[in-house]
N, C-alpha and C. Protein backbone atom coordinates (compact mmCIF):
# COMPACT_ATOMS: atom_id res chain seq x y z
N MET A 1 126.80 23.43 48.95
CA MET A 1 126.81 24.88 48.87
C MET A 1 125.39 25.38 48.62
N ASP A 2 124.97 26.37 49.37
CA ASP A 2 123.63 26.92 49.24
C ASP A 2 123.54 27.95 48.13
N ALA A 3 122.36 28.01 47.53
CA ALA A 3 122.06 29.08 46.57
C ALA A 3 121.91 30.38 47.34
N ALA A 4 122.03 31.50 46.64
CA ALA A 4 121.86 32.81 47.25
C ALA A 4 120.81 33.59 46.46
N GLY A 5 119.91 34.20 47.17
CA GLY A 5 118.92 35.08 46.57
C GLY A 5 119.12 36.47 47.14
N ILE A 6 119.22 37.45 46.28
CA ILE A 6 119.43 38.83 46.71
C ILE A 6 118.25 39.65 46.22
N LEU A 7 117.53 40.23 47.17
CA LEU A 7 116.37 41.06 46.84
C LEU A 7 116.65 42.45 47.38
N GLU A 8 116.64 43.44 46.50
CA GLU A 8 116.91 44.82 46.90
C GLU A 8 115.60 45.58 46.87
N VAL A 9 115.22 46.11 48.03
CA VAL A 9 113.93 46.80 48.18
C VAL A 9 114.14 48.22 48.66
N MET A 10 113.10 49.02 48.55
CA MET A 10 113.15 50.41 48.99
C MET A 10 112.65 50.49 50.44
N GLY A 11 113.57 50.75 51.38
CA GLY A 11 113.21 50.99 52.77
C GLY A 11 113.36 49.79 53.69
N MET A 12 113.62 50.09 54.97
CA MET A 12 113.81 49.05 55.99
C MET A 12 112.52 48.29 56.28
N THR A 13 111.39 48.97 56.34
CA THR A 13 110.14 48.28 56.63
C THR A 13 109.85 47.23 55.57
N ALA A 14 110.02 47.60 54.32
CA ALA A 14 109.81 46.64 53.23
C ALA A 14 110.79 45.47 53.35
N ALA A 15 112.01 45.75 53.79
CA ALA A 15 113.01 44.68 53.95
C ALA A 15 112.59 43.70 55.04
N TYR A 16 112.10 44.22 56.18
CA TYR A 16 111.66 43.32 57.25
C TYR A 16 110.46 42.49 56.83
N VAL A 17 109.51 43.14 56.16
CA VAL A 17 108.31 42.44 55.70
C VAL A 17 108.70 41.37 54.66
N ALA A 18 109.59 41.72 53.74
CA ALA A 18 110.04 40.78 52.71
C ALA A 18 110.82 39.62 53.33
N GLY A 19 111.70 39.93 54.26
CA GLY A 19 112.47 38.88 54.92
C GLY A 19 111.59 37.90 55.66
N ASP A 20 110.59 38.41 56.36
CA ASP A 20 109.65 37.57 57.09
C ASP A 20 108.88 36.66 56.13
N ALA A 21 108.36 37.23 55.06
CA ALA A 21 107.59 36.46 54.08
C ALA A 21 108.47 35.40 53.41
N GLY A 22 109.70 35.78 53.08
CA GLY A 22 110.61 34.83 52.44
C GLY A 22 110.94 33.65 53.32
N CYS A 23 111.20 33.91 54.60
CA CYS A 23 111.55 32.83 55.53
C CYS A 23 110.37 31.90 55.80
N LYS A 24 109.16 32.43 55.70
CA LYS A 24 107.96 31.60 55.89
C LYS A 24 107.64 30.77 54.65
N ALA A 25 108.08 31.23 53.48
CA ALA A 25 107.73 30.56 52.22
C ALA A 25 108.69 29.43 51.84
N GLY A 26 109.92 29.51 52.31
CA GLY A 26 110.91 28.49 51.95
C GLY A 26 111.82 28.19 53.12
N ASN A 27 112.46 27.05 53.08
CA ASN A 27 113.40 26.68 54.13
C ASN A 27 114.72 27.41 53.87
N VAL A 28 114.73 28.69 54.20
CA VAL A 28 115.88 29.56 53.96
C VAL A 28 116.26 30.29 55.24
N ARG A 29 117.42 30.89 55.21
CA ARG A 29 117.84 31.77 56.29
C ARG A 29 118.25 33.09 55.66
N ILE A 30 118.18 34.14 56.43
CA ILE A 30 118.68 35.43 55.97
C ILE A 30 120.15 35.48 56.35
N GLU A 31 121.01 35.49 55.35
CA GLU A 31 122.46 35.53 55.58
C GLU A 31 122.89 36.90 56.07
N ALA A 32 122.32 37.93 55.48
CA ALA A 32 122.67 39.30 55.86
C ALA A 32 121.66 40.25 55.24
N MET A 33 121.64 41.47 55.77
CA MET A 33 120.90 42.56 55.16
C MET A 33 121.90 43.70 55.03
N ASP A 34 121.79 44.43 53.95
CA ASP A 34 122.74 45.52 53.71
C ASP A 34 121.98 46.73 53.21
N LYS A 35 122.52 47.92 53.42
CA LYS A 35 121.84 49.14 52.99
C LYS A 35 122.72 49.94 52.05
N ASN A 36 122.06 50.77 51.27
CA ASN A 36 122.76 51.60 50.30
C ASN A 36 121.84 52.74 49.91
N LYS A 37 122.41 53.87 49.54
CA LYS A 37 121.61 54.98 49.03
C LYS A 37 121.51 54.84 47.51
N PRO A 38 120.33 55.08 46.95
CA PRO A 38 120.23 55.06 45.49
C PRO A 38 120.98 56.24 44.89
N VAL A 39 121.28 56.16 43.62
CA VAL A 39 122.05 57.21 42.93
C VAL A 39 121.35 58.57 43.03
N ASN A 40 120.07 58.61 42.79
CA ASN A 40 119.30 59.86 42.87
C ASN A 40 118.25 59.73 43.97
N PRO A 41 118.64 59.87 45.25
CA PRO A 41 117.69 59.60 46.34
C PRO A 41 116.44 60.47 46.31
N ASP A 42 116.54 61.70 45.80
CA ASP A 42 115.37 62.59 45.77
C ASP A 42 114.30 62.10 44.80
N LYS A 43 114.66 61.23 43.92
CA LYS A 43 113.76 60.69 42.91
C LYS A 43 112.81 59.64 43.49
N TYR A 44 113.16 59.06 44.65
CA TYR A 44 112.40 57.96 45.22
C TYR A 44 111.59 58.39 46.43
N ARG A 45 110.47 57.71 46.61
CA ARG A 45 109.61 57.95 47.77
C ARG A 45 110.32 57.55 49.06
N VAL A 46 111.09 56.47 49.00
CA VAL A 46 111.86 55.98 50.14
C VAL A 46 113.33 55.96 49.69
N PRO A 47 114.15 56.90 50.16
CA PRO A 47 115.52 57.02 49.64
C PRO A 47 116.55 56.10 50.29
N LEU A 48 116.19 54.82 50.49
CA LEU A 48 117.13 53.86 51.06
C LEU A 48 116.89 52.51 50.41
N LEU A 49 117.95 51.92 49.89
CA LEU A 49 117.89 50.57 49.33
C LEU A 49 118.40 49.60 50.38
N VAL A 50 117.68 48.50 50.56
CA VAL A 50 118.10 47.45 51.49
C VAL A 50 118.12 46.13 50.73
N SER A 51 119.24 45.42 50.81
CA SER A 51 119.38 44.10 50.20
C SER A 51 119.17 43.04 51.25
N ILE A 52 118.29 42.09 50.95
CA ILE A 52 118.07 40.93 51.80
C ILE A 52 118.73 39.77 51.09
N LYS A 53 119.61 39.06 51.80
CA LYS A 53 120.34 37.95 51.20
C LYS A 53 119.85 36.64 51.81
N PHE A 54 119.06 35.89 51.01
CA PHE A 54 118.52 34.60 51.44
C PHE A 54 119.48 33.49 51.04
N ARG A 55 119.58 32.44 51.87
CA ARG A 55 120.41 31.27 51.55
C ARG A 55 119.60 30.01 51.80
N GLY A 56 119.77 29.03 50.92
CA GLY A 56 119.09 27.75 51.02
C GLY A 56 119.22 27.01 49.71
N SER A 57 118.43 25.96 49.54
CA SER A 57 118.45 25.23 48.27
C SER A 57 117.89 26.15 47.17
N VAL A 58 118.17 25.82 45.93
CA VAL A 58 117.70 26.65 44.82
C VAL A 58 116.18 26.78 44.85
N GLU A 59 115.47 25.68 45.05
CA GLU A 59 114.01 25.72 45.06
C GLU A 59 113.47 26.53 46.24
N ASP A 60 114.08 26.37 47.41
CA ASP A 60 113.64 27.14 48.57
C ASP A 60 113.92 28.63 48.39
N VAL A 61 115.07 28.96 47.81
CA VAL A 61 115.40 30.37 47.57
C VAL A 61 114.43 30.97 46.55
N LYS A 62 114.08 30.21 45.52
CA LYS A 62 113.11 30.70 44.54
C LYS A 62 111.76 30.99 45.20
N ALA A 63 111.31 30.08 46.06
CA ALA A 63 110.03 30.28 46.75
C ALA A 63 110.11 31.48 47.68
N ALA A 64 111.22 31.61 48.40
CA ALA A 64 111.40 32.74 49.32
C ALA A 64 111.43 34.06 48.57
N MET A 65 112.15 34.09 47.47
CA MET A 65 112.26 35.33 46.69
C MET A 65 110.90 35.76 46.14
N ALA A 66 110.11 34.80 45.65
CA ALA A 66 108.79 35.14 45.10
C ALA A 66 107.89 35.73 46.19
N ALA A 67 107.88 35.09 47.35
CA ALA A 67 107.04 35.59 48.46
C ALA A 67 107.56 36.93 48.97
N ALA A 68 108.86 37.06 49.07
CA ALA A 68 109.46 38.31 49.56
C ALA A 68 109.17 39.47 48.60
N GLU A 69 109.26 39.20 47.31
CA GLU A 69 108.98 40.25 46.32
C GLU A 69 107.53 40.71 46.41
N GLU A 70 106.62 39.76 46.51
CA GLU A 70 105.20 40.11 46.61
C GLU A 70 104.95 40.95 47.87
N ALA A 71 105.53 40.55 48.99
CA ALA A 71 105.34 41.27 50.25
C ALA A 71 105.95 42.68 50.19
N ALA A 72 107.15 42.79 49.64
CA ALA A 72 107.82 44.10 49.56
C ALA A 72 107.03 45.07 48.68
N ASN A 73 106.46 44.56 47.60
CA ASN A 73 105.69 45.42 46.70
C ASN A 73 104.42 45.97 47.34
N LYS A 74 103.95 45.33 48.41
CA LYS A 74 102.78 45.84 49.13
C LYS A 74 103.16 47.01 50.04
N VAL A 75 104.45 47.10 50.41
CA VAL A 75 104.92 48.15 51.32
C VAL A 75 105.55 49.30 50.55
N SER A 76 106.45 49.00 49.64
CA SER A 76 107.08 50.03 48.81
C SER A 76 107.33 49.45 47.43
N GLU A 77 108.57 49.10 47.12
CA GLU A 77 108.83 48.50 45.82
C GLU A 77 110.14 47.72 45.83
N VAL A 78 110.24 46.81 44.87
CA VAL A 78 111.46 46.04 44.67
C VAL A 78 112.28 46.77 43.63
N TYR A 79 113.54 46.98 43.95
CA TYR A 79 114.45 47.69 43.03
C TYR A 79 115.08 46.71 42.05
N GLN A 80 115.61 45.60 42.56
CA GLN A 80 116.15 44.55 41.70
C GLN A 80 116.25 43.26 42.48
N LYS A 81 116.47 42.14 41.75
CA LYS A 81 116.54 40.82 42.38
C LYS A 81 117.40 39.90 41.53
N HIS A 82 117.99 38.92 42.22
CA HIS A 82 118.81 37.96 41.49
C HIS A 82 119.02 36.72 42.35
N ILE A 83 119.06 35.56 41.69
CA ILE A 83 119.36 34.29 42.36
C ILE A 83 120.65 33.74 41.76
N ILE A 84 121.58 33.35 42.63
CA ILE A 84 122.83 32.72 42.21
C ILE A 84 122.77 31.28 42.69
N ALA A 85 122.68 30.34 41.76
CA ALA A 85 122.49 28.93 42.12
C ALA A 85 123.70 28.35 42.85
N ARG A 86 124.89 28.61 42.36
CA ARG A 86 126.11 28.08 42.97
C ARG A 86 127.15 29.19 43.04
N PRO A 87 127.12 30.00 44.09
CA PRO A 87 128.06 31.12 44.17
C PRO A 87 129.52 30.64 44.17
N ASP A 88 130.34 31.36 43.43
CA ASP A 88 131.78 31.12 43.41
C ASP A 88 132.35 31.44 44.80
N GLU A 89 133.49 30.89 45.10
CA GLU A 89 134.16 31.12 46.39
C GLU A 89 134.36 32.61 46.68
N GLN A 90 134.75 33.37 45.68
CA GLN A 90 134.97 34.80 45.88
C GLN A 90 133.64 35.54 46.07
N THR A 91 132.60 35.08 45.41
CA THR A 91 131.28 35.66 45.60
C THR A 91 130.77 35.35 47.00
N GLU A 92 131.04 34.13 47.48
CA GLU A 92 130.64 33.74 48.83
C GLU A 92 131.15 34.74 49.87
N ALA A 93 132.40 35.14 49.74
CA ALA A 93 133.00 36.08 50.70
C ALA A 93 132.27 37.42 50.67
N MET A 94 131.85 37.85 49.50
CA MET A 94 131.15 39.14 49.38
C MET A 94 129.73 39.06 49.89
N LEU A 95 129.09 37.89 49.78
CA LEU A 95 127.71 37.73 50.25
C LEU A 95 127.61 37.88 51.76
N ASP A 96 128.71 37.63 52.45
CA ASP A 96 128.73 37.71 53.90
C ASP A 96 128.86 39.15 54.42
N ILE A 97 129.20 40.08 53.55
CA ILE A 97 129.43 41.47 53.95
C ILE A 97 128.09 42.15 54.24
N SER A 98 128.05 42.91 55.34
CA SER A 98 126.85 43.67 55.68
C SER A 98 127.24 44.86 56.54
N CYS A 99 126.84 46.06 56.11
CA CYS A 99 127.12 47.24 56.93
C CYS A 99 126.11 47.37 58.07
N LEU A 100 125.07 46.54 58.07
CA LEU A 100 124.09 46.57 59.16
C LEU A 100 124.49 45.66 60.31
N GLY A 101 125.55 44.89 60.13
CA GLY A 101 125.98 43.96 61.17
C GLY A 101 125.38 42.59 60.97
N LYS A 102 125.86 41.61 61.68
CA LYS A 102 125.39 40.25 61.55
C LYS A 102 124.31 39.95 62.59
N TYR A 103 123.31 39.21 62.18
CA TYR A 103 122.27 38.75 63.08
C TYR A 103 122.85 37.63 63.95
N LYS A 104 122.67 37.74 65.23
CA LYS A 104 123.13 36.72 66.15
C LYS A 104 121.90 36.18 66.91
N PRO A 105 121.53 34.91 66.68
CA PRO A 105 120.38 34.35 67.38
C PRO A 105 120.54 34.42 68.89
N MET A 106 119.44 34.68 69.57
CA MET A 106 119.48 34.77 71.03
C MET A 106 119.45 33.36 71.63
N GLU A 107 120.18 33.16 72.71
CA GLU A 107 120.14 31.92 73.46
C GLU A 107 118.90 31.93 74.34
N VAL A 108 118.16 30.84 74.36
CA VAL A 108 116.95 30.77 75.18
C VAL A 108 117.16 29.82 76.32
């Protein structure tokens, strides 16, 4: 079972930059990306929260999360972050949820 790293950042651009940096830093995959509006959107410079869900070994997820956080902070900001070493079966089902849709690799 893979560890899960969840990094919530402000804005889609920060999410793409963070996801790219995370995947380059550790042997991880992006399981899903999800979006949400913050409670007080007018309070933020970028009124959109995006969660990037990394999956891989605990060490790879830690490396990915550190690189992703650093990259996101250069674009906007990190709202919150968390690593789950061994997600429970019920948590696994929720980690797969994404309102942005699932990434499907292209056939070459």
